Protein backbone atom coordinates (compact mmCIF):
# COMPACT_ATOMS: atom_id res chain seq x y z
CA MET A 1 -10.35 86.51 -82.02
CA SER A 2 -7.67 85.41 -83.82
CA HIS A 3 -4.56 83.39 -82.29
CA THR A 4 -2.11 84.51 -84.39
CA PRO A 5 0.66 86.73 -82.23
CA ILE A 6 -0.43 90.25 -82.10
CA ASP A 7 2.84 91.15 -83.87
CA GLN A 8 2.13 89.31 -86.87
CA GLN A 9 -1.50 90.65 -87.62
CA ARG A 10 -2.26 93.26 -89.60
CA ALA A 11 -2.46 96.15 -87.69
CA TRP A 12 0.60 96.08 -86.32
CA CYS A 13 2.41 95.14 -89.70
CA ALA A 14 0.89 97.64 -90.69
CA LEU A 15 2.08 100.50 -87.79
CA ALA A 16 5.60 98.76 -88.06
CA GLU A 17 5.73 100.48 -91.93
CA HIS A 18 4.04 103.46 -90.83
CA ALA A 19 6.53 103.54 -87.95
CA ALA A 20 9.63 103.54 -90.23
CA GLY A 21 8.69 107.20 -91.18
CA MET A 22 7.43 108.30 -88.70
CA ARG A 23 10.61 107.72 -86.44
CA ARG A 24 12.49 110.20 -88.72
CA ARG A 25 9.76 113.05 -87.76
CA HIS A 26 10.17 115.79 -85.12
CA LEU A 27 7.62 117.07 -82.73
CA ARG A 28 7.79 120.66 -83.80
CA ASP A 29 7.44 119.92 -87.43
CA LEU A 30 4.13 118.01 -86.59
CA PHE A 31 3.14 120.90 -85.04
CA VAL A 32 3.71 122.78 -87.93
CA GLU A 33 2.35 120.53 -90.50
CA GLN A 34 -1.12 120.13 -88.37
CA PRO A 35 -2.59 123.28 -86.47
CA GLY A 36 -4.88 122.54 -83.76
CA ARG A 37 -3.36 119.49 -82.57
CA PHE A 38 -4.46 119.85 -79.14
CA GLU A 39 -8.35 119.98 -80.23
CA THR A 40 -7.47 116.80 -82.18
CA PHE A 41 -5.89 115.16 -79.71
CA SER A 42 -6.91 115.88 -76.46
CA ARG A 43 -10.32 114.28 -74.44
CA SER A 44 -12.12 115.13 -71.14
CA ALA A 45 -14.64 112.60 -68.86
CA ALA A 46 -14.50 112.57 -65.13
CA GLY A 47 -12.97 115.31 -64.20
CA LEU A 48 -9.92 114.81 -66.06
CA THR A 49 -8.85 116.15 -69.42
CA LEU A 50 -6.03 114.64 -71.30
CA ASP A 51 -3.65 115.63 -73.89
CA LEU A 52 -1.84 113.77 -76.36
CA SER A 53 -1.50 116.21 -78.63
CA LYS A 54 2.55 115.92 -77.66
CA GLN A 55 2.99 112.57 -78.85
CA ARG A 56 4.77 111.82 -81.76
CA TRP A 57 1.90 110.68 -83.63
CA THR A 58 -0.82 111.77 -86.67
CA GLY A 59 -4.03 111.04 -86.67
CA GLN A 60 -3.14 108.06 -89.20
CA THR A 61 -0.85 106.82 -86.39
CA LEU A 62 -4.25 106.96 -84.59
CA ASP A 63 -6.17 105.25 -86.62
CA LEU A 64 -4.09 102.41 -86.98
CA LEU A 65 -3.15 102.21 -83.16
CA LEU A 66 -7.15 102.28 -83.40
CA ASP A 67 -7.07 99.15 -85.96
CA LEU A 68 -4.60 97.22 -83.20
CA ALA A 69 -7.02 97.39 -80.93
CA GLN A 70 -9.48 96.04 -82.23
CA ASP A 71 -7.37 93.36 -83.93
CA ALA A 72 -6.58 92.46 -80.24
CA GLY A 73 -10.32 92.66 -78.89
CA VAL A 74 -10.05 95.13 -76.64
CA PRO A 75 -13.77 96.04 -76.70
CA GLU A 76 -14.86 92.51 -75.91
CA ALA A 77 -11.86 92.59 -73.05
CA ILE A 78 -13.56 95.33 -71.61
CA ARG A 79 -16.64 93.90 -71.49
CA GLY A 80 -15.38 90.74 -70.17
CA LEU A 81 -13.49 92.31 -67.19
CA LEU A 82 -16.27 94.35 -66.22
CA ALA A 83 -18.81 91.35 -66.51
CA GLY A 84 -16.56 89.14 -63.99
CA GLU A 85 -15.21 86.80 -66.96
CA ARG A 86 -12.09 84.93 -65.64
CA VAL A 87 -9.62 87.43 -66.95
CA ASN A 88 -6.87 85.92 -64.68
CA ARG A 89 -6.05 82.93 -66.84
CA SER A 90 -3.17 81.38 -64.88
CA GLU A 91 -4.94 81.93 -61.60
CA ASP A 92 -8.52 81.16 -63.02
CA ARG A 93 -10.62 83.78 -61.40
CA PRO A 94 -11.94 87.10 -62.42
CA ALA A 95 -10.44 90.57 -61.77
CA LEU A 96 -13.12 92.60 -59.86
CA HIS A 97 -11.50 95.81 -58.38
CA THR A 98 -14.31 97.34 -60.49
CA ALA A 99 -17.02 95.77 -58.04
CA LEU A 100 -15.49 97.45 -55.28
CA ARG A 101 -16.58 100.51 -56.10
CA LEU A 102 -20.36 99.92 -58.04
CA PRO A 103 -23.02 101.71 -55.98
CA THR A 104 -25.30 100.05 -53.82
CA ASP A 105 -28.76 99.99 -56.60
CA ALA A 106 -26.15 97.78 -59.37
CA ARG A 107 -26.07 94.50 -59.32
CA LEU A 108 -22.68 91.71 -60.84
CA GLU A 109 -24.00 88.47 -60.75
CA VAL A 110 -20.86 85.97 -61.08
CA ASP A 111 -20.98 82.28 -60.91
CA GLY A 112 -24.37 82.77 -59.56
CA GLU A 113 -23.95 85.11 -56.80
CA ASP A 114 -24.20 88.81 -57.04
CA LEU A 115 -21.11 90.84 -55.34
CA VAL A 116 -22.42 93.42 -54.87
CA PRO A 117 -24.18 93.25 -51.25
CA SER A 118 -20.98 91.76 -49.88
CA VAL A 119 -19.12 94.42 -51.07
CA HIS A 120 -21.42 96.87 -49.37
CA ALA A 121 -21.54 94.80 -46.29
CA THR A 122 -17.87 95.33 -46.29
CA LEU A 123 -18.08 99.30 -46.50
CA ALA A 124 -20.51 99.71 -43.84
CA ARG A 125 -18.33 97.27 -41.22
CA MET A 126 -15.50 99.63 -42.43
CA ALA A 127 -18.07 102.57 -41.97
CA GLU A 128 -19.35 101.56 -38.09
CA MET A 129 -15.16 101.04 -37.66
CA VAL A 130 -14.50 104.41 -38.66
CA GLU A 131 -17.35 106.20 -36.57
CA ARG A 132 -16.10 104.71 -33.38
CA PHE A 133 -12.64 106.05 -33.93
CA HIS A 134 -13.35 109.72 -34.97
CA ALA A 135 -16.02 109.63 -32.18
CA GLY A 136 -12.87 108.40 -29.72
CA GLN A 137 -14.92 105.57 -29.06
CA TRP A 138 -12.09 102.88 -29.99
CA ARG A 139 -10.30 102.57 -26.76
CA GLY A 140 -7.25 101.02 -25.85
CA ALA A 141 -6.67 98.22 -23.37
CA THR A 142 -6.23 100.62 -20.77
CA GLY A 143 -9.54 102.50 -21.67
CA LYS A 144 -8.11 105.79 -23.65
CA PRO A 145 -9.08 106.44 -27.08
CA ILE A 146 -6.80 105.27 -30.01
CA HIS A 147 -5.28 108.12 -31.37
CA ASP A 148 -2.74 106.76 -33.57
CA VAL A 149 -3.15 104.11 -36.06
CA VAL A 150 0.00 102.54 -38.07
CA ASN A 151 -0.81 100.08 -41.11
CA LEU A 152 1.18 96.82 -41.60
CA GLY A 153 1.49 96.12 -45.40
CA VAL A 154 3.73 95.86 -47.96
CA GLY A 155 3.24 96.22 -52.04
CA GLY A 156 -0.67 96.95 -52.52
CA SER A 157 -1.64 96.69 -48.76
CA ASP A 158 0.91 99.90 -48.05
CA LEU A 159 1.45 101.92 -51.77
CA GLY A 160 -2.53 102.62 -52.38
CA PRO A 161 -3.37 103.82 -49.06
CA LEU A 162 -0.42 105.58 -48.33
CA MET A 163 -0.72 107.57 -51.63
CA VAL A 164 -4.17 108.25 -51.57
CA THR A 165 -3.97 109.68 -47.38
CA HIS A 166 -1.07 112.11 -48.58
CA ALA A 167 -2.95 112.79 -51.87
CA LEU A 168 -6.51 113.82 -49.77
CA ALA A 169 -5.08 115.21 -46.42
CA ASP A 170 -6.91 118.37 -47.19
CA TYR A 171 -10.10 116.54 -47.07
CA ARG A 172 -9.37 115.72 -42.99
CA PRO A 173 -13.36 115.80 -41.69
CA GLU A 174 -13.80 118.81 -39.26
CA GLY A 175 -15.15 117.89 -35.51
CA ILE A 176 -14.10 114.66 -34.84
CA HIS A 177 -11.37 112.57 -32.93
CA ARG A 178 -8.50 113.08 -34.81
CA ILE A 179 -6.65 109.65 -35.91
CA ASP A 180 -3.13 109.73 -37.03
CA VAL A 181 -2.06 107.28 -39.80
CA HIS A 182 0.94 105.54 -40.21
CA PHE A 183 2.54 103.06 -42.45
CA ALA A 184 5.47 100.40 -41.71
CA SER A 185 6.35 98.48 -44.78
CA THR A 186 9.87 97.30 -44.74
CA MET A 187 10.64 93.88 -43.59
CA ASP A 188 14.47 95.25 -41.99
CA GLY A 189 11.93 96.85 -39.13
CA SER A 190 13.48 100.32 -39.50
CA GLN A 191 10.14 102.19 -40.19
CA LEU A 192 8.64 100.46 -37.24
CA ALA A 193 10.95 100.53 -35.02
CA ASP A 194 10.95 104.88 -35.26
CA TYR A 195 7.05 104.33 -34.61
CA LEU A 196 7.93 102.63 -31.33
CA THR A 197 9.81 104.60 -29.93
CA ARG A 198 7.39 107.83 -30.53
CA LEU A 199 4.06 106.51 -30.48
CA ASN A 200 1.75 105.86 -26.66
CA PRO A 201 0.59 101.79 -26.93
CA GLU A 202 -1.55 102.95 -24.41
CA THR A 203 -3.69 105.09 -27.68
CA THR A 204 -2.06 102.74 -31.20
CA LEU A 205 -3.69 100.15 -32.82
CA PHE A 206 -1.85 98.27 -35.82
CA VAL A 207 -4.24 97.40 -38.34
CA LEU A 208 -2.69 94.13 -40.50
CA SER A 209 -3.14 94.17 -43.97
CA SER A 210 -2.22 90.84 -46.08
CA LYS A 211 -4.25 89.27 -48.73
CA SER A 212 -2.96 85.97 -47.95
CA PHE A 213 -1.89 86.80 -44.09
CA THR A 214 1.13 84.89 -44.76
CA THR A 215 3.35 87.75 -46.10
CA ILE A 216 6.71 87.41 -44.27
CA ASP A 217 7.39 91.41 -44.45
CA THR A 218 4.08 92.35 -42.44
CA LEU A 219 4.09 89.39 -40.27
CA SER A 220 7.51 90.38 -38.89
CA ASN A 221 6.55 93.62 -38.30
CA ALA A 222 3.37 92.61 -36.55
CA ARG A 223 5.21 90.25 -34.44
CA THR A 224 7.24 93.02 -33.45
CA ALA A 225 4.18 95.21 -32.90
CA ARG A 226 2.36 92.16 -30.56
CA ASP A 227 5.20 91.88 -28.66
CA TRP A 228 5.57 95.77 -27.91
CA LEU A 229 2.48 96.28 -26.99
CA LYS A 230 2.21 93.37 -24.68
CA SER A 231 5.86 93.91 -22.62
CA ARG A 232 4.37 97.69 -21.98
CA LEU A 233 0.50 97.56 -21.41
CA LEU A 234 0.02 93.91 -19.45
CA GLY A 235 1.51 95.75 -16.47
CA ALA A 236 -0.30 99.15 -17.48
CA ALA A 237 -3.20 98.90 -15.06
CA GLY A 238 -1.88 98.43 -11.43
CA GLU A 239 -1.40 95.21 -10.02
CA GLU A 240 -3.74 93.01 -11.48
CA GLY A 241 -1.82 94.34 -15.18
CA VAL A 242 -3.87 94.62 -18.82
CA ASP A 243 -5.80 91.16 -20.14
CA GLU A 244 -3.69 89.93 -22.89
CA ALA A 245 -6.60 89.00 -24.78
CA LEU A 246 -7.84 92.85 -24.06
CA VAL A 247 -4.73 93.86 -25.57
CA MET A 248 -5.08 91.81 -28.91
CA ARG A 249 -8.78 92.70 -28.93
CA GLN A 250 -8.26 96.67 -29.03
CA HIS A 251 -5.05 97.06 -30.41
CA PHE A 252 -5.77 95.03 -33.89
CA ILE A 253 -7.70 95.66 -36.59
CA GLY A 254 -6.89 92.50 -39.56
CA VAL A 255 -7.45 93.33 -43.78
CA SER A 256 -7.18 89.77 -45.72
CA ALA A 257 -8.61 87.68 -47.98
CA SER A 258 -8.13 84.77 -45.20
CA PRO A 259 -10.23 85.12 -42.42
CA GLU A 260 -8.85 81.74 -40.89
CA LYS A 261 -5.34 82.52 -40.69
CA MET A 262 -6.62 86.32 -39.29
CA ALA A 263 -8.04 84.28 -36.44
CA GLU A 264 -5.36 81.94 -35.80
CA TRP A 265 -2.79 85.07 -35.21
CA GLY A 266 -5.42 86.45 -32.82
CA ILE A 267 -7.51 89.05 -34.07
CA ALA A 268 -11.33 89.14 -33.10
CA ASP A 269 -13.57 88.07 -35.35
CA ASP A 270 -15.94 91.16 -35.10
CA HIS A 271 -12.19 93.41 -35.62
CA GLN A 272 -11.57 91.41 -39.37
CA LEU A 273 -12.23 93.16 -42.62
CA GLU A 274 -12.81 90.60 -45.43
CA PHE A 275 -11.28 90.94 -49.09
CA TRP A 276 -11.54 88.48 -51.92
CA GLU A 277 -9.64 86.29 -54.36
CA TRP A 278 -10.91 88.33 -57.12
CA VAL A 279 -9.05 91.39 -56.32
CA GLY A 280 -5.40 91.78 -56.73
CA GLY A 281 -3.36 93.08 -54.08
CA ARG A 282 -2.30 96.50 -56.03
CA TYR A 283 -5.86 96.85 -56.86
CA SER A 284 -7.72 96.56 -53.52
CA LEU A 285 -7.41 100.47 -52.32
CA TRP A 286 -10.91 100.76 -53.22
CA GLY A 287 -12.33 98.14 -50.39
CA ALA A 288 -11.18 96.99 -47.05
CA ILE A 289 -7.54 97.75 -47.80
CA GLY A 290 -8.53 101.46 -47.87
CA LEU A 291 -9.28 101.89 -44.24
CA PRO A 292 -6.48 103.90 -43.62
CA ILE A 293 -7.83 106.46 -46.12
CA ALA A 294 -11.50 106.27 -44.46
CA LEU A 295 -9.81 107.07 -41.11
CA VAL A 296 -8.14 110.00 -42.35
CA VAL A 297 -10.44 111.40 -44.92
CA GLY A 298 -13.91 109.68 -43.51
CA MET A 299 -16.46 107.63 -45.35
CA GLN A 300 -18.27 110.63 -47.08
CA HIS A 301 -14.42 111.47 -49.04
CA PHE A 302 -14.15 107.82 -48.99
CA ARG A 303 -16.80 107.24 -51.12
CA GLY A 304 -16.42 110.25 -53.52
CA LEU A 305 -12.91 108.36 -54.04
CA LEU A 306 -15.19 104.74 -55.25
CA ALA A 307 -17.70 107.52 -56.96
CA GLY A 308 -14.80 108.86 -59.29
CA ALA A 309 -13.41 105.75 -60.13
CA HIS A 310 -16.79 104.29 -60.93
CA ALA A 311 -17.31 107.42 -63.17
CA MET A 312 -14.12 105.97 -64.60
CA ASP A 313 -15.47 102.84 -65.21
CA ARG A 314 -18.34 103.99 -66.82
CA HIS A 315 -16.14 106.21 -69.80
CA PHE A 316 -13.98 102.97 -70.07
CA SER A 317 -16.64 100.45 -70.52
CA GLU A 318 -19.14 102.97 -72.67
CA ALA A 319 -17.30 105.52 -74.67
CA ALA A 320 -16.24 104.56 -78.26
CA LEU A 321 -12.46 103.58 -78.64
CA ALA A 322 -11.17 106.68 -80.06
CA ASP A 323 -12.86 109.02 -77.03
CA ASN A 324 -11.96 106.78 -74.55
CA LEU A 325 -9.02 108.17 -71.93
CA PRO A 326 -7.76 104.50 -70.78
CA VAL A 327 -7.66 103.22 -74.67
CA LEU A 328 -6.12 106.14 -75.58
CA LEU A 329 -3.54 106.73 -72.88
CA ALA A 330 -2.68 102.92 -73.74
CA LEU A 331 -1.91 103.39 -77.32
CA ALA A 332 -0.03 106.04 -76.75
CA GLY A 333 2.37 103.43 -74.58
CA ILE A 334 2.05 101.16 -77.24
CA TRP A 335 2.97 103.37 -79.84
CA ASN A 336 6.37 104.44 -77.97
CA VAL A 337 7.10 101.21 -76.85
CA ASN A 338 7.15 98.82 -79.49
CA PHE A 339 7.52 100.85 -82.75
CA LEU A 340 9.37 103.88 -81.88
CA ASP A 341 11.62 101.73 -79.19
CA ILE A 342 11.14 104.40 -76.41
CA ARG A 343 11.45 101.66 -73.44
CA ALA A 344 11.45 104.15 -70.56
CA HIS A 345 9.15 106.20 -69.27
CA SER A 346 8.55 109.15 -66.16
CA ILE A 347 5.82 110.16 -63.77
CA LEU A 348 5.62 113.47 -63.05
CA PRO A 349 2.81 115.27 -60.97
CA TYR A 350 2.98 118.92 -60.46
CA ASP A 351 1.02 119.00 -56.90
CA GLY A 352 2.71 117.83 -53.70
CA ARG A 353 -0.19 116.23 -52.77
CA LEU A 354 0.23 113.83 -55.46
CA GLU A 355 4.11 112.96 -53.92
CA TYR A 356 3.72 109.50 -53.73
CA PHE A 357 1.67 108.51 -56.90
CA ALA A 358 4.75 107.64 -59.15
CA ALA A 359 5.61 104.81 -56.59
CA TYR A 360 2.24 103.67 -56.82
CA LEU A 361 2.18 103.37 -60.58
CA GLU A 362 5.53 101.62 -60.53
CA GLN A 363 3.55 98.68 -58.72
CA LEU A 364 0.70 99.19 -60.56
CA GLU A 365 2.31 98.41 -64.26
CA MET A 366 5.31 97.22 -63.85
CA GLU A 367 4.21 94.11 -61.40
CA SER A 368 1.33 94.16 -63.44
CA ASN A 369 2.83 93.92 -67.36
CA GLY A 370 6.06 93.14 -66.40
CA LYS A 371 5.55 90.10 -67.97
CA SER A 372 7.04 88.13 -71.19
CA VAL A 373 4.90 84.86 -71.98
CA THR A 374 1.39 85.00 -73.17
CA HIS A 375 -1.71 83.67 -72.03
CA ASP A 376 -1.26 80.31 -74.15
CA GLY A 377 2.21 79.91 -72.75
CA ASP A 378 4.43 81.63 -75.89
CA GLN A 379 7.16 83.66 -75.33
CA VAL A 380 6.70 87.24 -76.95
CA ASP A 381 8.63 88.60 -79.49
CA TYR A 382 8.08 92.15 -78.82
CA SER A 383 8.38 94.82 -75.64
CA THR A 384 5.98 95.05 -73.14
CA CYS A 385 5.99 97.46 -70.18
CA PRO A 386 8.70 100.25 -69.68
CA VAL A 387 10.53 100.54 -67.42
CA LEU A 388 8.41 103.09 -64.61
CA TRP A 389 10.19 106.17 -62.20
CA GLY A 390 9.13 109.31 -61.29
CA GLN A 391 8.80 112.01 -58.74
CA LEU A 392 7.44 115.40 -57.96
CA GLY A 393 7.81 117.38 -61.14
CA PRO A 394 9.14 120.54 -59.91
CA ASN A 395 11.87 118.79 -57.29
CA ALA A 396 12.81 116.36 -60.73
CA GLN A 397 13.60 119.32 -62.59
CA HIS A 398 16.60 119.68 -60.10
CA ALA A 399 17.44 116.13 -60.66
CA PHE A 400 17.39 113.73 -63.63
CA TYR A 401 15.14 116.34 -66.17
CA GLN A 402 19.23 117.10 -67.08
CA LEU A 403 19.04 113.23 -68.85
CA LEU A 404 15.48 114.00 -70.35
CA HIS A 405 16.47 117.05 -72.17
CA GLN A 406 20.27 116.40 -72.97
CA GLY A 407 20.70 112.85 -72.29
CA THR A 408 20.83 109.82 -74.88
CA GLN A 409 17.65 108.18 -73.58
CA ALA A 410 14.36 108.64 -75.31
CA VAL A 411 11.40 108.94 -72.82
CA GLU A 412 7.65 109.26 -72.54
CA CYS A 413 6.74 111.25 -70.01
CA ASP A 414 3.20 111.64 -68.09
CA PHE A 415 2.80 115.35 -66.70
CA ILE A 416 0.02 115.71 -64.13
CA ALA A 417 -1.13 118.27 -62.18
CA PRO A 418 -4.40 120.01 -60.88
CA ARG A 419 -5.63 122.95 -63.24
CA VAL A 420 -7.19 125.04 -59.73
CA ARG A 421 -5.97 125.13 -56.25
CA TYR A 422 -6.04 127.50 -53.20
CA ASP A 423 -9.05 129.61 -54.49
CA ASP A 424 -10.75 128.69 -51.53
CA VAL A 425 -8.46 129.77 -48.82
CA PRO A 426 -10.25 132.58 -46.54
CA ASP A 427 -7.62 134.88 -45.74
CA PRO A 428 -7.13 136.64 -49.77
CA ALA A 429 -3.41 137.91 -49.19
CA THR A 430 -2.67 134.09 -48.81
CA ARG A 431 -5.21 132.81 -51.06
CA ASP A 432 -3.07 135.84 -53.82
CA HIS A 433 0.22 133.79 -52.72
CA LEU A 434 -0.60 130.73 -52.51
CA MET A 435 -2.34 130.79 -56.50
CA GLY A 436 0.45 132.92 -57.67
CA GLN A 437 2.74 129.63 -56.33
CA HIS A 438 0.53 127.39 -58.40
CA ARG A 439 0.70 129.56 -61.51
CA LEU A 440 3.96 129.00 -61.06
CA THR A 441 4.18 125.20 -60.55
CA LEU A 442 1.93 125.14 -63.79
CA ALA A 443 3.96 127.44 -65.70
CA ASN A 444 6.72 125.00 -65.36
CA CYS A 445 4.71 122.12 -65.79
CA PHE A 446 3.71 123.23 -69.55
CA ALA A 447 7.18 125.12 -70.02
CA GLN A 448 9.04 121.67 -69.27
CA SER A 449 6.75 119.69 -71.96
CA ARG A 450 7.49 122.28 -74.24
CA VAL A 451 10.77 122.23 -74.56
CA LEU A 452 10.73 118.45 -74.01
CA MET A 453 9.00 118.44 -77.44
CA LEU A 454 10.33 121.19 -78.70
CA GLY A 455 14.24 121.21 -77.77
CA ASP A 456 16.14 124.37 -79.24
CA ASP A 457 12.96 126.01 -80.93
CA ALA A 458 11.29 126.92 -77.98
CA ILE A 459 14.17 129.62 -77.55
CA GLU A 460 14.41 132.84 -78.92
CA GLU A 461 18.22 132.68 -80.44
CA ASP A 462 20.39 135.39 -79.09
CA GLY A 463 23.51 134.72 -81.07
CA PRO A 464 25.34 131.28 -81.75
CA ARG A 465 25.46 128.70 -78.99
CA PRO A 466 28.03 125.65 -77.71
CA GLU A 467 26.86 122.27 -78.69
CA TYR A 468 26.66 121.82 -75.02
CA LYS A 469 23.49 124.12 -74.96
CA HIS A 470 21.77 122.90 -77.54
CA TYR A 471 18.77 120.98 -77.07
CA ARG A 472 17.38 118.32 -79.18
CA GLY A 473 13.61 118.08 -78.02
CA ASN A 474 11.36 115.29 -79.97
CA GLN A 475 10.79 113.65 -76.13
CA PRO A 476 6.98 112.70 -76.24
CA SER A 477 4.46 113.21 -73.73
CA SER A 478 1.00 113.35 -72.49
CA THR A 479 -0.17 115.77 -70.30
CA LEU A 480 -3.39 115.15 -67.53
CA LEU A 481 -5.21 118.22 -66.13
CA LEU A 482 -7.30 117.22 -63.18
CA ASP A 483 -10.34 119.91 -62.63
CA ARG A 484 -8.95 119.90 -59.04
CA LEU A 485 -7.68 117.14 -57.14
CA THR A 486 -10.37 115.74 -54.94
CA PRO A 487 -11.37 112.22 -53.51
CA GLU A 488 -13.50 111.95 -57.05
CA THR A 489 -10.86 112.76 -59.66
CA LEU A 490 -8.25 111.31 -57.46
CA GLY A 491 -10.16 107.97 -57.80
CA ALA A 492 -11.16 108.79 -61.73
CA LEU A 493 -6.88 109.36 -62.15
CA ILE A 494 -6.47 106.12 -60.16
CA ALA A 495 -9.18 104.08 -62.20
CA LEU A 496 -7.70 105.28 -65.92
CA TYR A 497 -4.45 104.07 -65.02
CA GLU A 498 -5.51 100.70 -64.29
CA HIS A 499 -7.51 100.55 -66.96
CA LYS A 500 -4.62 102.13 -68.89
CA VAL A 501 -2.52 98.98 -67.93
CA PHE A 502 -5.37 96.54 -68.83
CA VAL A 503 -5.65 97.46 -72.43
CA GLN A 504 -1.87 97.38 -73.02
CA ALA A 505 -2.13 94.01 -71.38
CA THR A 506 -4.55 92.90 -73.71
CA ILE A 507 -3.08 93.94 -76.90
CA TRP A 508 0.30 92.62 -75.82
CA ASP A 509 -1.79 89.23 -75.11
CA ILE A 510 -0.61 88.65 -71.29
CA ASN A 511 -1.74 88.67 -67.86
CA PRO A 512 -1.92 91.78 -65.80
CA PHE A 513 -3.49 90.23 -62.84
CA ASP A 514 -0.62 87.83 -61.62
CA GLN A 515 2.79 88.19 -60.52
CA TRP A 516 4.69 85.19 -60.39
CA GLY A 517 7.96 86.49 -60.37
CA VAL A 518 7.06 87.94 -57.12
CA GLU A 519 5.81 84.97 -55.75
CA LEU A 520 9.01 83.32 -56.72
CA GLY A 521 11.08 85.68 -54.77
CA LYS A 522 9.66 85.08 -51.82
CA LYS A 523 10.05 81.77 -51.77
CA ILE A 524 13.63 81.26 -52.94
CA ALA A 525 14.12 84.06 -50.15
CA GLY A 526 12.58 81.98 -47.47
CA GLU A 527 14.63 79.17 -48.57
CA THR A 528 17.97 81.59 -47.82
CA GLN A 529 16.98 82.38 -44.74
CA HIS A 530 16.76 79.03 -43.39
CA THR A 531 20.17 78.72 -44.77
CA LEU A 532 21.33 81.98 -42.92
CA GLU A 533 19.99 80.64 -39.67
CA HIS A 534 20.63 77.02 -39.63
CA ARG A 535 23.81 76.67 -41.39
CA THR A 536 22.25 74.18 -43.88
CA GLY A 537 21.92 73.73 -47.63
CA LEU A 538 24.81 76.19 -48.47
CA GLU A 539 26.36 73.30 -51.06
CA GLY A 540 23.30 74.08 -53.11
CA MET A 541 24.08 77.48 -53.31
CA ASP A 542 26.20 79.45 -56.37
CA ASP A 543 29.89 80.66 -56.18
CA SER A 544 28.56 84.56 -55.02
CA THR A 545 25.61 83.52 -53.25
CA ARG A 546 27.53 81.22 -51.13
CA GLY A 547 30.10 83.85 -50.67
CA LEU A 548 27.79 86.08 -49.11
CA ILE A 549 26.63 84.02 -46.88
CA GLU A 550 29.79 83.00 -45.52
CA ALA A 551 30.53 86.94 -44.93
CA VAL A 552 27.65 86.98 -42.88
CA TRP A 553 28.79 84.32 -41.11
CA SER A 554 31.89 85.57 -40.68
CA ALA A 555 30.91 88.70 -39.09
CA GLU A 556 28.34 87.41 -36.76
CA ALA A 557 31.38 84.91 -35.57
CA GLU A 558 33.32 88.36 -34.92
CA HIS A 559 30.29 89.40 -32.45
CA GLY A 560 30.07 86.52 -30.36
CA ARG A 561 27.29 85.33 -31.75
């Protein structure tokens, strides 16, 4: 592949010339000029249907974008990612989240080692743990079965499991000892403090999820949890009390790429789950970090989640670029960001179970592709990741859709919904009511994308309207329909966006698998914490930070600290 910057290559230059004319085109005109756009610009795979007909493009645009993908080496990059090549160049390692969902009969050799057996050994260990919990056999230090599990993690160790457990809550297995899973991520302790006032220490277990096992947010919560358990359990079983080692053993599980640090913290060896340096945190829900998911939905449905993601991996690997869902979704984003100058992207699920999906994608996309330096260390001369935000579509309609319809910002939107829901509710009357509500939800989803596209042309004229009742339209969107929301289709949906991120990173020539900006923030925060606590190093601070620290010290002095 050429080392000429991508924005100086033939396909990019052709797209820039093409975009000059397309910026003046309105979506309503494209639909008039090209009947059958849905058939032309929609594709299906792995239980998903992707409609890109409301993107501000033509067949010529897509052809030029596919040329760009070839120029950027996207086919070779896909093969390299899935084969375990060292695509994370700054850290000189592969990015093998896809290996976590390979079936048992697969083989993936990296540096002379087949990774599949170790992946499935960890899944088997997870399954043993989950079975013990669901049988009521995982008991706390006083002998009572564990009922509440609190996941202590942040970022990828929190958002993925939180999102999936909420999305698949309908898939709790029946006839088991129920485990309620909670999530605490904030370093200020507010989430954890709430749980500690409500949960019973005798029946509560904590999962410490941290790839490095050095994340201050997680470890500060973990220390608080440990002290809470000890203060309440060490005298809970008569005069002799409960052994401290038993508390640590029965009330903590660790998930990390650092077994040594887990053991040092006090987590029993057989209560540790390992994942690997070749799995990025925000790509890690497919393995041991997914333990909270398996505790909620059971291992059968967790494996269904993996199978759905693997189905999308196979599609990503095998489908031609012109029929490849992740490639097409990525190219739509490239077109909007780099050629139509649309730098904002809203994620709008029309299903309450996907409440946390937008937050999950915010990390996945902005932490991955929020970069401005190429693999060769050169500053890019073009935009990379847009700003992502979103929430449930029905709620967002009463919040920020006003900006989408009549504001000054151009915004790309992703509408996401299942085609079918509630058809399996046993009671006929209740089923009819709920299916009617789902049709109402879909009507809103489809209507909003239509009005964003057409503007005033979506409205039947009933006389002159004042300017404040006019709608410009021409806001591009994609619509993703799931056959229904299941573990399999959710797995495919998440994998779709993972691969979209990779394709865009390939075209932009950036590394989506490191996060040095995050690491810098952690480092500076640690130095600032030392200054706040020890009152040294203030002279090295800028005037603003110095003033803020002195304001805190003044407040502490007033309160006698």
